[in-house]
Amino acid sequence: MNIYYILVLAWAAYYLVLSLTSVLPWSHCNNTWNTPRCSFHHVDSNSSIIDNTTLMNSSVAFAKPVDSSVEFWERKVLQLSSGITEGGGIIWELALSLFVMWVIVYFCLWKGVKWTGKIVYFTATFPYVILAILLVRGLTLDGAVDGIVYYLKPDISRLGDIQVWMDGGTQIFFSYAVAIGIMITLGSYNKFTNNFYRDCVFISCVNSGTSVVGGFAVFSVLGFMAKQQNLPIADVADAGPGLAFITYPKAMTQMPISPLWAVLFFFMIILLGLDSQFVGVESVITPIVDYFPKYLQRRSRRMLFVAVYCVASYFVGYSMISRGGIYIFQLFDYYSASGLVLLWTSFWETVAIAWVFGVDRFYDGIEVMLGSRINPYLKICWKYTTPIVSMGLLVAQLIMFKPLTYNNTYQYPTWAQAFGVMMAVSSMMCIPVYGLVKLMSTDGSLKERLRKVTTPILQKHQIHPTWRYDHQLRLKS
């Protein structure tokens, strides 16, 4: 995930640099990358729409026009090739942009989590300032009310569509960084008595609240676009990268002082993405450093190790900044950190905690750490709700699985789909393979081995709230 996710930041940085101009380059068709099919909408002072289409010759007069923002995205930024087998060479602008992003990530991490914590004060808070500015601007646009109504008015009939639940469930996993290891890694730096229960509630409220507020900012602009183009809102909204790199940039071209709004928007995207990126990298670095403390816990060696990881990841990412790179990017996005992998991991995490370690023992352990008992409803979630929902969504995704396509038109070759499945399976297999290795390396009969590998270390010492854990016992537990 760390290798492909950072490419979104590279695209945003590229857009940001090209926004530092008086006229946004995707707002017209007079660029070298534009084709005769290029078109764009311009709104005059009387709010009437003028559709400008560049038609160089009669052979394209009846061809379907392509919006200028789409051509900028596909022909200038991605320089899209015909398929995954057509690499087409590296795009040096994206290579430079990706390099800058990895350098920033490195310097956010090189001195450890204390240094990273200081960086977060800016990267995690300033986007809210930009979001507030964009929200106020969006709400003042003509047609914003239509977008807000569309955003807030639910289509109850869609609740009967299993795909809605699958999309919503997996999106929550990504949004909360569940089953990826990030929360476990960051939590490992807390003091033993840290009130993580309060932190979890706070993070959940802020995360969901930010999504709701962000929805107002986005749909107010989409309502504006729909009214200007006289189209339904559903027709101007794109999913995935298209929303950030086609739809929203296109909306900015229709606003006064459009370069300013473009700069603010892409700067916000970069800051938001950087937070996710460097904690994602931290979740890889920390376990390895902890596993080899003798060699890597010295600051100079840790800095070198982080540098090696960032450099290696950068060059692996070269495959995605070629002219066929978007096909590889989507392959990683669809399979490597997919909902299947996260749901599988979530299921086994909760099974290990609630059914192997023991939900009561886990609940008592939390009381030891916090000094008070938390909501007992969570015991039901750990033991029943979460594993059932995770496995249910996982089975539904397997039943309704569809091979990846690009833009619903390009069909990936069989070998590429197989490579994607291999990436997903390579993560999912870690759990059963590790279990088998532990089982095979344990002495005794099969029944005795199963009992030993599923018996918590603390079985002989039942956890009690009055215990006072010393440092060594906490490490063993």
Protein backbone atom coordinates (compact mmCIF):
# COMPACT_ATOMS: atom_id res chain seq x y z
CA MET A 1 0.00 0.00 0.00
CA ASN A 2 2.85 2.39 0.82
CA ILE A 3 4.27 1.94 -2.66
CA TYR A 4 1.14 2.84 -4.61
CA TYR A 5 -0.71 5.22 -2.26
CA ILE A 6 2.03 7.85 -2.42
CA LEU A 7 1.44 8.15 -6.16
CA VAL A 8 -1.78 10.04 -5.35
CA LEU A 9 0.37 12.62 -3.57
CA ALA A 10 2.70 12.80 -6.56
CA TRP A 11 -0.24 13.56 -8.84
CA ALA A 12 -1.54 16.19 -6.42
CA ALA A 13 1.90 17.82 -6.20
CA TYR A 14 2.09 17.93 -9.99
CA TYR A 15 -1.33 19.56 -10.20
CA LEU A 16 -0.31 22.00 -7.48
CA VAL A 17 2.76 23.16 -9.40
CA LEU A 18 0.80 23.57 -12.64
CA SER A 19 -1.87 25.54 -10.75
CA LEU A 20 0.64 28.31 -10.02
CA THR A 21 -0.43 30.26 -13.07
CA SER A 22 -3.00 32.84 -14.09
CA VAL A 23 -4.91 30.37 -16.29
CA LEU A 24 -5.34 26.74 -15.27
CA PRO A 25 -3.97 24.51 -18.05
CA TRP A 26 -6.97 22.16 -17.97
CA SER A 27 -9.42 25.03 -18.46
CA HIS A 28 -8.94 25.32 -22.23
CA CYS A 29 -8.04 23.34 -25.34
CA ASN A 30 -5.07 25.39 -26.58
CA ASN A 31 -2.38 23.09 -25.22
CA THR A 32 0.01 20.83 -27.10
CA TRP A 33 -1.54 17.70 -25.56
CA ASN A 34 -5.10 18.54 -26.62
CA THR A 35 -6.74 16.71 -29.51
CA PRO A 36 -9.33 17.93 -32.03
CA ARG A 37 -12.01 16.31 -29.84
CA CYS A 38 -11.17 18.52 -26.85
CA SER A 39 -14.05 20.58 -25.42
CA PHE A 40 -14.69 22.71 -22.37
CA HIS A 41 -17.53 24.66 -20.88
CA HIS A 42 -17.26 28.35 -20.20
CA VAL A 43 -19.84 30.35 -18.25
CA ASP A 44 -20.33 33.93 -19.39
CA SER A 45 -21.46 36.87 -17.26
CA ASN A 46 -25.11 36.03 -17.90
CA SER A 47 -24.59 32.44 -16.69
CA SER A 48 -25.23 31.02 -20.14
CA ILE A 49 -23.06 28.13 -21.19
CA ILE A 50 -20.76 28.37 -24.17
CA ASP A 51 -19.51 24.97 -25.30
CA ASN A 52 -16.11 25.39 -26.99
CA THR A 53 -15.02 22.43 -29.01
CA THR A 54 -11.87 22.34 -31.10
CA LEU A 55 -12.61 20.56 -34.38
CA MET A 56 -9.62 20.58 -36.67
CA ASN A 57 -11.13 18.71 -39.56
CA SER A 58 -14.39 17.21 -40.73
CA SER A 59 -13.34 13.66 -39.88
CA VAL A 60 -13.82 14.37 -36.17
CA ALA A 61 -16.86 16.59 -36.49
CA PHE A 62 -19.18 13.87 -35.29
CA ALA A 63 -16.76 12.31 -32.78
CA LYS A 64 -17.72 12.35 -29.10
CA PRO A 65 -16.08 15.38 -27.47
CA VAL A 66 -13.65 14.89 -24.58
CA ASP A 67 -13.59 17.40 -21.74
CA SER A 68 -10.39 19.42 -21.41
CA SER A 69 -9.93 18.29 -17.78
CA VAL A 70 -10.11 14.65 -18.90
CA GLU A 71 -7.53 15.23 -21.63
CA PHE A 72 -5.26 16.99 -19.16
CA TRP A 73 -5.50 14.02 -16.80
CA GLU A 74 -5.06 11.30 -19.42
CA ARG A 75 -2.79 12.95 -21.98
CA LYS A 76 -0.67 15.35 -19.91
CA VAL A 77 -0.45 13.83 -16.43
CA LEU A 78 -0.77 10.10 -17.11
CA GLN A 79 0.17 10.20 -20.81
CA LEU A 80 -1.96 7.09 -21.00
CA SER A 81 -0.80 4.19 -23.13
CA SER A 82 -3.05 1.59 -24.73
CA GLY A 83 -2.64 -1.02 -22.00
CA ILE A 84 -0.58 -2.55 -19.23
CA THR A 85 1.75 -4.20 -21.72
CA GLU A 86 2.66 -0.82 -23.22
CA GLY A 87 4.98 0.80 -20.66
CA GLY A 88 5.86 3.71 -22.92
CA GLY A 89 8.77 4.95 -20.78
CA ILE A 90 8.98 6.97 -17.56
CA ILE A 91 7.25 10.35 -17.24
CA TRP A 92 10.01 12.49 -15.77
CA GLU A 93 7.65 15.08 -14.25
CA LEU A 94 5.93 12.38 -12.20
CA ALA A 95 9.26 10.79 -11.35
CA LEU A 96 10.44 14.10 -9.92
CA SER A 97 7.16 14.66 -8.10
CA LEU A 98 7.25 11.15 -6.61
CA PHE A 99 10.87 11.70 -5.53
CA VAL A 100 9.95 14.91 -3.70
CA MET A 101 7.10 13.15 -1.90
CA TRP A 102 9.37 10.33 -0.73
CA VAL A 103 11.96 12.85 0.47
CA ILE A 104 9.28 14.61 2.53
CA VAL A 105 8.09 11.29 3.97
CA TYR A 106 11.65 10.38 4.90
CA PHE A 107 12.27 13.61 6.77
CA CYS A 108 8.96 13.16 8.58
CA LEU A 109 10.16 9.77 9.88
CA TRP A 110 13.94 9.81 10.07
CA LYS A 111 14.21 10.75 13.76
CA GLY A 112 11.45 8.50 15.06
CA VAL A 113 7.91 8.84 16.30
CA LYS A 114 8.58 11.84 18.58
CA TRP A 115 9.73 13.87 15.58
CA THR A 116 6.80 12.59 13.55
CA GLY A 117 4.42 13.68 16.30
CA LYS A 118 5.66 17.25 15.96
CA ILE A 119 5.12 17.18 12.19
CA VAL A 120 1.54 15.96 12.68
CA TYR A 121 0.62 19.12 14.57
CA PHE A 122 0.76 20.92 11.22
CA THR A 123 -0.11 18.22 8.67
CA ALA A 124 -3.17 17.03 10.61
CA THR A 125 -4.61 20.42 11.58
CA PHE A 126 -3.93 22.80 8.70
CA PRO A 127 -6.07 20.80 6.22
CA TYR A 128 -9.05 21.73 8.39
CA VAL A 129 -8.32 25.39 7.75
CA ILE A 130 -8.26 24.77 4.00
CA LEU A 131 -11.37 22.56 4.20
CA ALA A 132 -13.21 25.34 6.02
CA ILE A 133 -12.22 27.84 3.31
CA LEU A 134 -13.33 25.49 0.52
CA LEU A 135 -16.57 24.73 2.38
CA VAL A 136 -17.47 28.41 2.75
CA ARG A 137 -16.65 29.03 -0.89
CA GLY A 138 -18.66 26.01 -2.02
CA LEU A 139 -21.74 26.99 -0.03
CA THR A 140 -21.77 30.44 -1.68
CA LEU A 141 -21.88 29.01 -5.21
CA ASP A 142 -25.03 29.03 -7.32
CA GLY A 143 -26.56 25.55 -7.20
CA ALA A 144 -24.82 24.56 -3.95
CA VAL A 145 -28.18 23.91 -2.26
CA ASP A 146 -29.08 21.32 -4.91
CA GLY A 147 -25.82 19.51 -4.23
CA ILE A 148 -26.37 19.55 -0.46
CA VAL A 149 -29.91 18.20 -0.84
CA TYR A 150 -28.60 15.41 -3.08
CA TYR A 151 -25.92 14.66 -0.47
CA LEU A 152 -28.31 14.54 2.49
CA LYS A 153 -31.28 12.83 0.84
CA PRO A 154 -30.69 9.06 1.03
CA ASP A 155 -31.95 6.53 -1.46
CA ILE A 156 -33.43 3.98 0.96
CA SER A 157 -33.86 1.41 -1.79
CA ARG A 158 -30.07 1.14 -2.13
CA LEU A 159 -29.89 -0.46 1.32
CA GLY A 160 -31.10 -3.66 -0.31
CA ASP A 161 -28.00 -3.69 -2.53
CA ILE A 162 -25.23 -5.81 -0.99
CA GLN A 163 -22.66 -3.83 -2.99
CA VAL A 164 -23.52 -0.71 -0.98
CA TRP A 165 -22.74 -2.52 2.27
CA MET A 166 -19.55 -3.96 0.83
CA ASP A 167 -18.35 -0.56 -0.37
CA GLY A 168 -19.31 1.12 2.89
CA GLY A 169 -17.74 -1.55 5.06
CA THR A 170 -14.43 -1.65 3.24
CA GLN A 171 -14.30 2.16 3.08
CA ILE A 172 -14.59 2.29 6.88
CA PHE A 173 -11.64 -0.10 7.10
CA PHE A 174 -9.53 2.24 4.98
CA SER A 175 -10.76 5.40 6.67
CA TYR A 176 -9.99 4.13 10.17
CA ALA A 177 -6.81 2.28 9.13
CA VAL A 178 -8.26 -0.96 10.53
CA ALA A 179 -6.46 -4.29 9.98
CA ILE A 180 -3.47 -2.61 8.32
CA GLY A 181 -1.26 -2.50 11.41
CA ILE A 182 -1.08 1.29 11.65
CA MET A 183 -3.15 1.63 14.83
CA ILE A 184 -1.29 -1.22 16.52
CA THR A 185 2.05 0.36 15.62
CA LEU A 186 1.15 3.82 16.87
CA GLY A 187 -0.48 2.37 19.97
CA SER A 188 2.74 0.53 20.82
CA TYR A 189 4.35 3.88 21.62
CA ASN A 190 1.75 4.72 24.28
CA LYS A 191 2.33 4.39 28.00
CA PHE A 192 0.81 1.28 29.55
CA THR A 193 -1.84 3.31 31.38
CA ASN A 194 -2.69 5.60 28.46
CA ASN A 195 -6.45 6.08 28.07
CA PHE A 196 -6.65 4.56 24.60
CA TYR A 197 -10.40 4.02 25.04
CA ARG A 198 -10.93 7.78 25.10
CA ASP A 199 -8.53 8.18 22.17
CA CYS A 200 -10.45 5.62 20.09
CA VAL A 201 -13.76 7.39 20.69
CA PHE A 202 -12.18 10.74 19.85
CA ILE A 203 -10.56 9.44 16.65
CA SER A 204 -13.83 7.85 15.53
CA CYS A 205 -15.80 11.07 16.07
CA VAL A 206 -13.22 13.28 14.36
CA ASN A 207 -12.81 10.87 11.44
CA SER A 208 -16.50 10.53 10.71
CA GLY A 209 -17.13 14.21 11.40
CA THR A 210 -14.45 15.19 8.92
CA SER A 211 -16.01 12.93 6.29
CA VAL A 212 -19.42 14.55 6.82
CA VAL A 213 -18.04 18.09 6.59
CA GLY A 214 -15.96 17.14 3.57
CA GLY A 215 -19.12 15.83 1.93
CA PHE A 216 -20.72 19.25 2.24
CA ALA A 217 -17.65 20.86 0.62
CA VAL A 218 -17.61 18.39 -2.28
CA PHE A 219 -21.34 18.21 -3.03
CA SER A 220 -21.83 21.96 -2.86
CA VAL A 221 -19.33 22.22 -5.71
CA LEU A 222 -20.94 19.32 -7.58
CA GLY A 223 -24.31 21.06 -7.30
CA PHE A 224 -22.73 24.18 -8.77
CA MET A 225 -21.27 22.19 -11.67
CA ALA A 226 -24.57 20.44 -12.33
CA LYS A 227 -26.45 23.72 -12.55
CA GLN A 228 -23.86 25.37 -14.78
CA GLN A 229 -23.85 22.44 -17.19
CA ASN A 230 -27.57 21.68 -16.86
CA LEU A 231 -26.87 18.08 -15.93
CA PRO A 232 -28.01 15.77 -13.09
CA ILE A 233 -25.62 15.74 -10.15
CA ALA A 234 -25.07 12.00 -10.56
CA ASP A 235 -23.67 12.66 -14.04
CA VAL A 236 -20.99 15.12 -12.88
CA ALA A 237 -19.72 13.05 -9.95
CA ASP A 238 -16.91 10.58 -10.58
CA ALA A 239 -15.64 7.94 -8.19
CA GLY A 240 -12.01 7.21 -7.39
CA PRO A 241 -9.18 9.42 -8.68
CA GLY A 242 -11.57 11.06 -11.12
CA LEU A 243 -13.23 13.07 -8.35
CA ALA A 244 -9.97 14.65 -7.17
CA PHE A 245 -8.22 14.98 -10.53
CA ILE A 246 -11.03 15.54 -13.04
CA THR A 247 -14.34 16.61 -11.49
CA TYR A 248 -13.13 18.97 -8.77
CA PRO A 249 -10.41 20.62 -10.91
CA LYS A 250 -13.01 21.14 -13.62
CA ALA A 251 -15.29 22.86 -11.11
CA MET A 252 -12.50 25.23 -10.14
CA THR A 253 -12.18 26.50 -13.68
CA GLN A 254 -15.71 27.88 -13.38
CA MET A 255 -14.93 29.90 -10.25
CA PRO A 256 -13.40 33.38 -10.05
CA ILE A 257 -9.70 33.31 -9.09
CA SER A 258 -9.65 29.63 -10.02
CA PRO A 259 -5.86 29.10 -9.55
CA LEU A 260 -6.18 30.07 -5.87
CA TRP A 261 -8.84 27.44 -5.19
CA ALA A 262 -6.84 24.86 -7.12
CA VAL A 263 -3.70 25.54 -5.07
CA LEU A 264 -5.62 25.31 -1.80
CA PHE A 265 -7.37 22.10 -2.81
CA PHE A 266 -4.28 20.21 -3.93
CA PHE A 267 -2.25 21.46 -0.97
CA MET A 268 -4.96 20.00 1.28
CA ILE A 269 -4.83 16.70 -0.60
CA ILE A 270 -1.06 16.52 -0.12
CA LEU A 271 -1.23 17.25 3.62
CA LEU A 272 -4.02 14.74 4.21
CA GLY A 273 -2.21 12.09 2.19
CA LEU A 274 1.14 12.68 3.88
CA ASP A 275 -0.35 11.81 7.27
CA SER A 276 -1.62 8.48 5.93
CA GLN A 277 1.60 7.80 4.07
CA PHE A 278 4.14 8.33 6.81
CA VAL A 279 2.17 6.43 9.46
CA GLY A 280 1.80 3.64 6.90
CA VAL A 281 5.56 3.57 6.44
CA GLU A 282 6.01 3.75 10.23
CA SER A 283 3.87 0.62 10.58
CA VAL A 284 6.42 -1.23 8.44
CA ILE A 285 9.55 0.30 9.98
CA THR A 286 8.65 -0.08 13.67
CA PRO A 287 8.06 -3.87 13.78
CA ILE A 288 11.31 -4.52 11.91
CA VAL A 289 13.26 -2.18 14.20
CA ASP A 290 11.67 -3.83 17.25
CA TYR A 291 12.52 -7.27 15.90
CA PHE A 292 16.20 -6.35 15.46
CA PRO A 293 16.77 -3.91 18.33
CA LYS A 294 20.47 -4.70 18.59
CA TYR A 295 21.09 -3.50 15.03
CA LEU A 296 18.41 -0.92 14.26
CA GLN A 297 17.36 0.89 17.43
CA ARG A 298 20.32 3.21 17.33
CA ARG A 299 19.21 6.50 15.80
CA SER A 300 21.84 6.57 13.03
CA ARG A 301 21.06 3.01 11.95
CA ARG A 302 17.33 3.62 12.06
CA MET A 303 17.77 6.70 9.87
CA LEU A 304 19.76 4.63 7.39
CA PHE A 305 17.18 1.84 7.42
CA VAL A 306 14.33 4.28 6.77
CA ALA A 307 16.33 5.77 3.90
CA VAL A 308 16.89 2.35 2.34
CA TYR A 309 13.17 1.54 2.62
CA CYS A 310 12.11 4.85 1.06
CA VAL A 311 14.61 4.55 -1.81
CA ALA A 312 13.61 0.96 -2.55
CA SER A 313 9.91 1.86 -2.49
CA TYR A 314 10.53 4.82 -4.76
CA PHE A 315 12.14 2.70 -7.44
CA VAL A 316 9.46 0.01 -7.21
CA GLY A 317 6.97 2.84 -7.74
CA TYR A 318 8.70 3.61 -11.05
CA SER A 319 6.45 1.00 -12.63
CA MET A 320 3.49 3.30 -11.90
CA ILE A 321 4.93 6.52 -13.31
CA SER A 322 5.37 5.13 -16.77
CA ARG A 323 2.83 5.79 -19.50
CA GLY A 324 1.19 2.51 -18.63
CA GLY A 325 1.56 3.15 -14.93
CA ILE A 326 -2.07 3.85 -14.13
CA TYR A 327 -2.94 0.27 -15.07
CA ILE A 328 -0.40 -1.03 -12.55
CA PHE A 329 -1.59 1.49 -9.95
CA GLN A 330 -5.16 0.25 -10.24
CA LEU A 331 -3.95 -3.35 -10.07
CA PHE A 332 -2.27 -2.59 -6.73
CA ASP A 333 -5.25 -0.60 -5.48
CA TYR A 334 -7.81 -3.24 -6.44
CA TYR A 335 -5.96 -6.27 -5.10
CA SER A 336 -2.97 -5.64 -2.82
CA ALA A 337 -4.75 -3.66 -0.06
CA SER A 338 -8.24 -4.64 -1.09
CA GLY A 339 -11.32 -5.18 1.02
CA LEU A 340 -10.75 -8.93 0.82
CA VAL A 341 -7.40 -8.64 2.56
CA LEU A 342 -8.63 -6.25 5.24
CA LEU A 343 -11.78 -8.25 5.99
CA TRP A 344 -9.76 -11.47 6.22
CA THR A 345 -7.29 -9.84 8.62
CA SER A 346 -10.04 -8.29 10.72
CA PHE A 347 -11.79 -11.63 11.07
CA TRP A 348 -8.70 -13.43 12.37
CA GLU A 349 -7.67 -10.54 14.62
CA THR A 350 -11.00 -10.63 16.44
CA VAL A 351 -11.04 -14.45 16.54
CA ALA A 352 -7.56 -14.46 18.09
CA ILE A 353 -8.54 -11.89 20.70
CA ALA A 354 -12.05 -13.04 21.59
CA TRP A 355 -11.84 -16.81 21.12
CA VAL A 356 -8.19 -17.75 21.61
CA PHE A 357 -6.84 -15.23 24.08
CA GLY A 358 -10.30 -14.94 25.61
CA VAL A 359 -12.71 -12.02 25.51
CA ASP A 360 -13.02 -11.88 29.32
CA ARG A 361 -9.25 -11.97 29.79
CA PHE A 362 -8.88 -9.20 27.19
CA TYR A 363 -11.61 -7.15 28.87
CA ASP A 364 -9.93 -7.53 32.27
CA GLY A 365 -6.59 -6.57 30.78
CA ILE A 366 -8.08 -3.30 29.55
CA GLU A 367 -9.31 -2.63 33.08
CA VAL A 368 -5.82 -3.15 34.40
CA MET A 369 -4.52 -0.57 31.95
CA LEU A 370 -7.28 2.02 32.39
CA GLY A 371 -8.26 1.50 36.00
CA SER A 372 -11.95 1.16 35.10
CA ARG A 373 -14.19 -1.12 33.08
CA ILE A 374 -15.32 -0.03 29.62
CA ASN A 375 -18.66 -0.57 27.88
CA PRO A 376 -19.44 -4.32 28.05
CA TYR A 377 -21.20 -4.04 24.67
CA LEU A 378 -17.75 -4.17 23.09
CA LYS A 379 -17.35 -7.75 24.31
CA ILE A 380 -20.28 -8.71 22.09
CA CYS A 381 -18.67 -6.86 19.18
CA TRP A 382 -15.32 -8.61 19.61
CA LYS A 383 -16.82 -12.05 20.03
CA TYR A 384 -19.71 -12.02 17.58
CA THR A 385 -20.51 -8.87 15.62
CA THR A 386 -17.14 -8.02 14.11
CA PRO A 387 -16.12 -11.56 13.04
CA ILE A 388 -19.58 -12.28 11.63
CA VAL A 389 -19.79 -9.01 9.70
CA SER A 390 -16.19 -9.31 8.47
CA MET A 391 -16.63 -12.86 7.22
CA GLY A 392 -20.07 -12.05 5.79
CA LEU A 393 -18.71 -9.17 3.73
CA LEU A 394 -15.71 -11.28 2.73
CA VAL A 395 -17.92 -14.11 1.44
CA ALA A 396 -20.16 -11.60 -0.36
CA GLN A 397 -17.14 -10.06 -2.08
CA LEU A 398 -15.91 -13.49 -3.17
CA ILE A 399 -19.34 -14.41 -4.55
CA MET A 400 -19.77 -11.09 -6.37
CA PHE A 401 -16.13 -10.78 -7.42
CA LYS A 402 -15.55 -9.04 -10.73
CA PRO A 403 -12.18 -8.87 -12.50
CA LEU A 404 -10.61 -5.44 -12.61
CA THR A 405 -11.21 -3.14 -15.58
CA TYR A 406 -9.95 0.37 -16.32
CA ASN A 407 -12.70 2.95 -16.93
CA ASN A 408 -15.09 0.02 -17.43
CA THR A 409 -13.61 -0.44 -20.91
CA TYR A 410 -10.07 -1.81 -20.76
CA GLN A 411 -9.94 -5.51 -19.90
CA TYR A 412 -6.79 -6.56 -18.06
CA PRO A 413 -5.04 -9.65 -19.48
CA THR A 414 -5.31 -12.88 -17.52
CA TRP A 415 -1.71 -12.78 -16.30
CA ALA A 416 -2.24 -9.30 -14.82
CA GLN A 417 -5.38 -10.42 -12.98
CA ALA A 418 -3.44 -13.43 -11.69
CA PHE A 419 -0.65 -11.14 -10.47
CA GLY A 420 -3.22 -9.04 -8.62
CA VAL A 421 -4.78 -12.07 -6.97
CA MET A 422 -1.29 -13.21 -5.99
CA MET A 423 -0.67 -9.89 -4.22
CA ALA A 424 -3.87 -10.29 -2.22
CA VAL A 425 -3.20 -13.93 -1.36
CA SER A 426 0.40 -13.18 -0.35
CA SER A 427 -0.94 -11.06 2.51
CA MET A 428 -3.84 -13.31 3.42
CA MET A 429 -1.68 -16.43 3.56
CA CYS A 430 0.59 -14.96 6.22
CA ILE A 431 -1.95 -15.84 8.92
CA PRO A 432 -2.53 -19.56 8.19
CA VAL A 433 1.11 -20.12 7.19
CA TYR A 434 2.36 -18.63 10.46
CA GLY A 435 -0.15 -20.76 12.36
CA LEU A 436 1.03 -23.93 10.61
CA VAL A 437 4.68 -23.10 11.26
CA LYS A 438 3.97 -22.62 14.97
CA LEU A 439 1.95 -25.84 15.03
CA MET A 440 4.68 -27.87 13.32
CA SER A 441 7.45 -26.49 15.53
CA THR A 442 5.61 -27.35 18.77
CA ASP A 443 6.26 -30.63 20.61
CA GLY A 444 3.59 -33.23 21.36
CA SER A 445 0.70 -34.85 19.61
CA LEU A 446 -1.55 -32.88 17.28
CA LYS A 447 -4.08 -32.34 20.07
CA GLU A 448 -1.37 -31.18 22.46
CA ARG A 449 0.10 -28.88 19.83
CA LEU A 450 -3.27 -27.28 19.17
CA ARG A 451 -3.76 -26.73 22.89
CA LYS A 452 -0.32 -25.18 23.32
CA VAL A 453 -0.47 -22.81 20.36
CA THR A 454 -3.95 -21.61 21.33
CA THR A 455 -3.16 -21.12 25.03
CA PRO A 456 -2.37 -17.54 26.09
CA ILE A 457 0.94 -16.95 27.82
CA LEU A 458 -0.84 -15.51 30.86
CA GLN A 459 -3.12 -18.51 31.43
CA LYS A 460 -1.40 -19.49 34.67
CA HIS A 461 -1.62 -15.95 36.00
CA GLN A 462 -5.20 -14.77 35.63
CA ILE A 463 -5.33 -11.02 35.11
CA HIS A 464 -6.84 -9.11 38.02
CA PRO A 465 -7.49 -5.37 38.28
CA THR A 466 -5.48 -5.11 41.52
CA TRP A 467 -2.28 -6.36 39.87
CA ARG A 468 0.66 -4.01 39.58
CA TYR A 469 2.55 -4.86 36.42
CA ASP A 470 6.22 -4.19 36.36
CA HIS A 471 7.95 -3.35 33.07
CA GLN A 472 9.25 -6.86 32.37
CA LEU A 473 5.87 -8.51 32.90
CA ARG A 474 4.23 -6.01 30.56
CA LEU A 475 6.78 -6.82 27.88
CA LYS A 476 6.12 -10.54 28.24
CA SER A 477 2.36 -10.06 28.10
